[in-house]
Amino acid sequence: MQTTSTILMIEPAAFGYNAETAANNYFMQQPDETPACIQTKALNEFTLMVEKLRGAGIRVLVERDTPEPPTPDSIFPNNWVSFHEQGVAVVYPMYAESRRMERRSSIFKFLREKGHAYPELITLAHYELQHLFLEGTGSMVLDRCNRVAYAALSERTSSTVFNDFCNRLNFEAIAFSAFQQVGTQRRPVYHTNVMMCVAEQFAVVCTGSIDNRDEQSRVIEKLRSTGKTIVEISEAQMHQFAGNMLQLSSASGELKLVVSGSAYAALDGNQLAVLRQYNDLVVCDVPTIEKYGGGSVRCMIAEIF
């Protein structure tokens, strides 16, 4: 099953710019507002997004973050945990020490109370001792139906941990390198899910960010061999989070594609027409979260299977 109608989202208590994660997240911008103002705006964007998703028939389970310890990135839970069928959950090693405090056992208690138990817990967090990281479905984009995992390797995405995940959960590993232009340099894209999205029948991919032609061809071939229509996006569109989408299904089984307002505005008519062939678009405006957190709507959602 590729899509789910139930998701987990974390309501922020101290959202803000995190200098530690900004070291290799080139989507983030330096703050020009007070921390209180940023938190207020982010909370409003979060609340409106939850309302819009629920209005589209998605079951959204919201757990409030705790103000202490302050975790400015807790709004992005998909980086530290992922949920799978047959009651399996995976906990991941995080690059930034400040983000490791997001891993809360209370989340599993909260989900159990909502009817979602995960008796098999796989933890990969011990890789932090080796300075090896894999930040969940930020580092990986999963084709769950075809058991294929895509990963753009970076400081946050270790091939060692990626291969361990794939071996444990029976995914074929497709690893490559993806880059973005930062000034005069090509720098690694910090998370795979900002440059590609895999849905049931299509994939949105910034193939131009894969500088190595052999690796680019391998990714394209694997997507085509699994029956995906490829929607190409440019690097400029990637910078507007056009790759950071997620396909969900409503309670009645209708496919929905969650897209940010900035991504929607960046896509052209032809791209939007292709996407609308396969699903309804649910457009959520999260400009503050994108600006200071360097992540968008897909990063805010942990899928519950």
Foldseek 3Di string as FASTA:
>chain_A
DAFALEWEFEQADQAFFDPQVVVALVLADDDPDDSVVLSVLQNVLVVVLVVLSVVVQGHYDYDYDDPPPHQNQLLQVQQQKAADPPQEMEGWAFQGPSNVVSDDPVVQVSVVVVPRHRPHYHYPNVCVVVQATGRHVQQWAAPPVQQAIEGADDSHHDPVVVVVVCVVVVHHYQYAFFFADDPPDTGTNPGPQLAKHDDDQAMEGQLVRRPDPVSSVVVVVVCVVNRHHYHHDHSVLSSLSLSNKYWHAHPVGFIEIEEEPSSVVRDDPVSVVVVVVRHHYRYGHRVSCCHRVVHDDNSSIHGHD
